[in-house]
Amino acid sequence: MSRAGWAYVPAGSGRGRLQRIASNSREARVQRAYRTYIDHCRGCAVCAVDSALCPTAEELWGTYQAAIKPS
């Protein structure tokens, strides 16, 4: 299943423009899972030292890994 979205298209020295693009739900799911993992690691005191020690980071990484596997 795909849906439309918007993406910024740079235009060299100009200001660029927004362009309507198609995206699929799998790609969006992968991006959301990775963003959730990154956002957690940025704000977590344990992840600042070693993300392998954080159970939440481990769970979020597993969710991301599951999302990128081909179905």
C-alpha atoms as a PDB file:
ATOM      1  CA  MET A   1       0.000   0.000   0.000  1.00  0.00           C
ATOM      2  CA  SER A   2       1.361   3.412  -0.848  1.00  0.00           C
ATOM      3  CA  ARG A   3       0.380   6.893   0.065  1.00  0.00           C
ATOM      4  CA  ALA A   4       1.422  10.328  -1.037  1.00  0.00           C
ATOM      5  CA  GLY A   5       3.689  12.594   0.943  1.00  0.00           C
ATOM      6  CA  TRP A   6       5.806  15.691   0.480  1.00  0.00           C
ATOM      7  CA  ALA A   7       9.559  16.061   0.138  1.00  0.00           C
ATOM      8  CA  TYR A   8      11.756  19.130  -0.101  1.00  0.00           C
ATOM      9  CA  VAL A   9      13.628  19.328  -3.407  1.00  0.00           C
ATOM     10  CA  PRO A  10      16.644  21.673  -3.332  1.00  0.00           C
ATOM     11  CA  ALA A  11      17.112  23.873  -6.393  1.00  0.00           C
ATOM     12  CA  GLY A  12      20.820  24.672  -6.480  1.00  0.00           C
ATOM     13  CA  SER A  13      21.196  28.332  -5.577  1.00  0.00           C
ATOM     14  CA  GLY A  14      17.423  28.865  -5.457  1.00  0.00           C
ATOM     15  CA  ARG A  15      15.110  28.304  -2.539  1.00  0.00           C
ATOM     16  CA  GLY A  16      13.887  24.861  -3.611  1.00  0.00           C
ATOM     17  CA  ARG A  17      10.335  23.563  -3.544  1.00  0.00           C
ATOM     18  CA  LEU A  18       8.081  20.905  -2.091  1.00  0.00           C
ATOM     19  CA  GLN A  19       7.282  17.984  -4.366  1.00  0.00           C
ATOM     20  CA  ARG A  20       4.562  15.390  -3.877  1.00  0.00           C
ATOM     21  CA  ILE A  21       6.017  11.875  -3.687  1.00  0.00           C
ATOM     22  CA  ALA A  22       4.678   8.380  -3.175  1.00  0.00           C
ATOM     23  CA  SER A  23       5.890   6.366  -0.215  1.00  0.00           C
ATOM     24  CA  ASN A  24       5.005   2.906   0.928  1.00  0.00           C
ATOM     25  CA  SER A  25       3.991   1.872   4.411  1.00  0.00           C
ATOM     26  CA  ARG A  26       7.019  -0.425   4.871  1.00  0.00           C
ATOM     27  CA  GLU A  27       9.444   2.421   4.225  1.00  0.00           C
ATOM     28  CA  ALA A  28       7.531   4.673   6.620  1.00  0.00           C
ATOM     29  CA  ARG A  29       7.530   1.944   9.296  1.00  0.00           C
ATOM     30  CA  VAL A  30      11.317   1.517   8.970  1.00  0.00           C
ATOM     31  CA  GLN A  31      11.878   5.268   9.214  1.00  0.00           C
ATOM     32  CA  ARG A  32       9.635   5.587  12.283  1.00  0.00           C
ATOM     33  CA  ALA A  33      11.368   2.681  14.035  1.00  0.00           C
ATOM     34  CA  TYR A  34      14.829   4.135  13.394  1.00  0.00           C
ATOM     35  CA  ARG A  35      13.761   7.653  14.430  1.00  0.00           C
ATOM     36  CA  THR A  36      12.294   6.279  17.677  1.00  0.00           C
ATOM     37  CA  TYR A  37      15.575   4.491  18.438  1.00  0.00           C
ATOM     38  CA  ILE A  38      17.679   7.595  17.692  1.00  0.00           C
ATOM     39  CA  ASP A  39      15.411   9.886  19.715  1.00  0.00           C
ATOM     40  CA  HIS A  40      15.627   7.540  22.691  1.00  0.00           C
ATOM     41  CA  CYS A  41      19.423   7.302  22.524  1.00  0.00           C
ATOM     42  CA  ARG A  42      19.795  11.080  22.383  1.00  0.00           C
ATOM     43  CA  GLY A  43      17.917  11.576  25.633  1.00  0.00           C
ATOM     44  CA  CYS A  44      18.972   8.505  27.605  1.00  0.00           C
ATOM     45  CA  ALA A  45      21.736   8.779  30.213  1.00  0.00           C
ATOM     46  CA  VAL A  46      22.565   5.071  29.899  1.00  0.00           C
ATOM     47  CA  CYS A  47      22.825   5.267  26.103  1.00  0.00           C
ATOM     48  CA  ALA A  48      25.191   8.218  26.451  1.00  0.00           C
ATOM     49  CA  VAL A  49      27.680   5.756  27.988  1.00  0.00           C
ATOM     50  CA  ASP A  50      26.845   2.529  26.122  1.00  0.00           C
ATOM     51  CA  SER A  51      23.564   1.777  24.330  1.00  0.00           C
ATOM     52  CA  ALA A  52      24.257  -1.969  24.660  1.00  0.00           C
ATOM     53  CA  LEU A  53      23.552  -1.617  28.393  1.00  0.00           C
ATOM     54  CA  CYS A  54      20.111  -0.034  27.941  1.00  0.00           C
ATOM     55  CA  PRO A  55      17.203  -2.494  27.741  1.00  0.00           C
ATOM     56  CA  THR A  56      14.942   0.088  26.085  1.00  0.00           C
ATOM     57  CA  ALA A  57      17.521   0.801  23.376  1.00  0.00           C
ATOM     58  CA  GLU A  58      17.950  -2.931  22.825  1.00  0.00           C
ATOM     59  CA  GLU A  59      14.199  -3.373  22.396  1.00  0.00           C
ATOM     60  CA  LEU A  60      13.911  -0.388  20.035  1.00  0.00           C
ATOM     61  CA  TRP A  61      16.866  -1.648  17.972  1.00  0.00           C
ATOM     62  CA  GLY A  62      15.158  -5.051  17.708  1.00  0.00           C
ATOM     63  CA  THR A  63      12.002  -3.359  16.472  1.00  0.00           C
ATOM     64  CA  TYR A  64      14.029  -1.517  13.827  1.00  0.00           C
ATOM     65  CA  GLN A  65      15.804  -4.707  12.756  1.00  0.00           C
ATOM     66  CA  ALA A  66      12.450  -6.483  12.413  1.00  0.00           C
ATOM     67  CA  ALA A  67      11.120  -3.605  10.282  1.00  0.00           C
ATOM     68  CA  ILE A  68      14.010  -3.737   7.800  1.00  0.00           C
ATOM     69  CA  LYS A  69      13.757  -7.490   7.191  1.00  0.00           C
ATOM     70  CA  PRO A  70      12.086  -8.254   3.865  1.00  0.00           C
ATOM     71  CA  SER A  71       8.627  -9.738   4.215  1.00  0.00           C
END
